Amino acid sequence: MCRNIRPLYGFEPSSNEDEVRSVSAQFVRKISGFTKPSIVNAAALETISAYVYMFSDQLAISALKKNREIEAAKRYA
C-alpha cells in the first residue's frame, strides 16, 4: 500500500473527520488510479470516508495510545 497513507488508529486524540477524509481520498486514488476524484464520484468518496470513520471507531486496541506530536517528531527526525 502507499507509504503516504498514515495510520489513524491508536492515537490520542483520535482522528478527526478531515484526517479520515484525506486518508480515504488517498486510498481511493491508490486503488482507482485517479489523481483527483471527479465531482461525479464525490458521493462515493464521502461514503467511503463514513465507513472508514465507523470502522476506526469500532476497533479495539490493547496497546497504549500514541501521542500524535511525538510520533510526528519521530518521523521527521
C-alpha atoms as a PDB file:
ATOM      1  CA  MET A   1       0.000   0.000   0.000  1.00  0.00           C
ATOM      2  CA  CYS A   2       1.022   3.597  -0.377  1.00  0.00           C
ATOM      3  CA  ARG A   3       3.515   4.927   2.163  1.00  0.00           C
ATOM      4  CA  ASN A   4       1.733   8.285   2.238  1.00  0.00           C
ATOM      5  CA  ILE A   5      -1.367   6.831   3.863  1.00  0.00           C
ATOM      6  CA  ARG A   6      -0.878   7.473   7.561  1.00  0.00           C
ATOM      7  CA  PRO A   7      -2.320   5.215  10.254  1.00  0.00           C
ATOM      8  CA  LEU A   8      -5.282   6.832  12.006  1.00  0.00           C
ATOM      9  CA  TYR A   9      -5.862   4.310  14.741  1.00  0.00           C
ATOM     10  CA  GLY A  10      -4.220   4.118  18.154  1.00  0.00           C
ATOM     11  CA  PHE A  11      -3.574   7.827  18.629  1.00  0.00           C
ATOM     12  CA  GLU A  12      -4.719  10.238  21.281  1.00  0.00           C
ATOM     13  CA  PRO A  13      -6.583  12.431  20.443  1.00  0.00           C
ATOM     14  CA  SER A  14      -8.445  10.275  17.947  1.00  0.00           C
ATOM     15  CA  SER A  15      -8.656  11.203  14.275  1.00  0.00           C
ATOM     16  CA  ASN A  16     -10.990  13.927  13.156  1.00  0.00           C
ATOM     17  CA  GLU A  17     -13.195  13.959  10.061  1.00  0.00           C
ATOM     18  CA  ASP A  18     -10.671  15.900   7.957  1.00  0.00           C
ATOM     19  CA  GLU A  19      -7.944  13.326   8.595  1.00  0.00           C
ATOM     20  CA  VAL A  20     -10.312  10.477   7.767  1.00  0.00           C
ATOM     21  CA  ARG A  21     -11.440  12.230   4.582  1.00  0.00           C
ATOM     22  CA  SER A  22      -7.863  12.825   3.397  1.00  0.00           C
ATOM     23  CA  VAL A  23      -6.796   9.229   4.093  1.00  0.00           C
ATOM     24  CA  SER A  24      -9.922   7.956   2.333  1.00  0.00           C
ATOM     25  CA  ALA A  25      -9.114  10.121  -0.693  1.00  0.00           C
ATOM     26  CA  GLN A  26      -5.553   8.729  -0.738  1.00  0.00           C
ATOM     27  CA  PHE A  27      -6.936   5.202  -0.586  1.00  0.00           C
ATOM     28  CA  VAL A  28      -9.374   5.854  -3.438  1.00  0.00           C
ATOM     29  CA  ARG A  29      -6.610   7.408  -5.536  1.00  0.00           C
ATOM     30  CA  LYS A  30      -4.423   4.378  -4.885  1.00  0.00           C
ATOM     31  CA  ILE A  31      -6.986   1.720  -5.808  1.00  0.00           C
ATOM     32  CA  SER A  32      -8.608   3.603  -8.702  1.00  0.00           C
ATOM     33  CA  GLY A  33      -5.564   5.186 -10.313  1.00  0.00           C
ATOM     34  CA  PHE A  34      -7.275   8.588 -10.489  1.00  0.00           C
ATOM     35  CA  THR A  35      -5.166  11.526  -9.367  1.00  0.00           C
ATOM     36  CA  LYS A  36      -8.208  13.515  -8.267  1.00  0.00           C
ATOM     37  CA  PRO A  37     -11.748  12.193  -7.697  1.00  0.00           C
ATOM     38  CA  SER A  38     -14.272  13.806 -10.017  1.00  0.00           C
ATOM     39  CA  ILE A  39     -17.373  15.656  -8.843  1.00  0.00           C
ATOM     40  CA  VAL A  40     -19.469  12.713 -10.033  1.00  0.00           C
ATOM     41  CA  ASN A  41     -17.597  10.399  -7.631  1.00  0.00           C
ATOM     42  CA  ALA A  42     -17.716  12.772  -4.644  1.00  0.00           C
ATOM     43  CA  ALA A  43     -20.672  10.919  -3.100  1.00  0.00           C
ATOM     44  CA  ALA A  44     -18.783   7.621  -3.284  1.00  0.00           C
ATOM     45  CA  LEU A  45     -15.771   9.233  -1.611  1.00  0.00           C
ATOM     46  CA  GLU A  46     -17.960  10.538   1.219  1.00  0.00           C
ATOM     47  CA  THR A  47     -19.463   7.060   1.660  1.00  0.00           C
ATOM     48  CA  ILE A  48     -16.003   5.516   1.900  1.00  0.00           C
ATOM     49  CA  SER A  49     -14.974   8.192   4.414  1.00  0.00           C
ATOM     50  CA  ALA A  50     -18.018   7.425   6.551  1.00  0.00           C
ATOM     51  CA  TYR A  51     -17.231   3.704   6.549  1.00  0.00           C
ATOM     52  CA  VAL A  52     -13.585   4.340   7.439  1.00  0.00           C
ATOM     53  CA  TYR A  53     -14.681   6.580  10.322  1.00  0.00           C
ATOM     54  CA  MET A  54     -17.136   3.930  11.614  1.00  0.00           C
ATOM     55  CA  PHE A  55     -14.548   1.174  11.199  1.00  0.00           C
ATOM     56  CA  SER A  56     -11.894   3.047  13.161  1.00  0.00           C
ATOM     57  CA  ASP A  57     -14.369   3.743  15.986  1.00  0.00           C
ATOM     58  CA  GLN A  58     -15.190   0.041  16.356  1.00  0.00           C
ATOM     59  CA  LEU A  59     -11.620  -1.273  16.536  1.00  0.00           C
ATOM     60  CA  ALA A  60     -10.290  -2.343  19.931  1.00  0.00           C
ATOM     61  CA  ILE A  61      -6.682  -1.756  20.945  1.00  0.00           C
ATOM     62  CA  SER A  62      -4.725  -3.343  23.779  1.00  0.00           C
ATOM     63  CA  ALA A  63      -1.594  -1.181  23.392  1.00  0.00           C
ATOM     64  CA  LEU A  64      -1.168   2.253  24.874  1.00  0.00           C
ATOM     65  CA  LYS A  65      -2.393   5.145  22.758  1.00  0.00           C
ATOM     66  CA  LYS A  66       0.332   7.107  20.959  1.00  0.00           C
ATOM     67  CA  ASN A  67       0.750  10.860  21.006  1.00  0.00           C
ATOM     68  CA  ARG A  68       0.440  12.453  17.548  1.00  0.00           C
ATOM     69  CA  GLU A  69       3.050  15.151  18.159  1.00  0.00           C
ATOM     70  CA  ILE A  70       5.674  12.714  19.433  1.00  0.00           C
ATOM     71  CA  GLU A  71       5.125  10.315  16.523  1.00  0.00           C
ATOM     72  CA  ALA A  72       5.313  13.190  14.009  1.00  0.00           C
ATOM     73  CA  ALA A  73       8.617  14.328  15.547  1.00  0.00           C
ATOM     74  CA  LYS A  74       9.980  10.768  15.200  1.00  0.00           C
ATOM     75  CA  ARG A  75       9.001  10.694  11.507  1.00  0.00           C
ATOM     76  CA  TYR A  76      10.764  13.967  10.771  1.00  0.00           C
ATOM     77  CA  ALA A  77      13.900  13.066  12.756  1.00  0.00           C
END
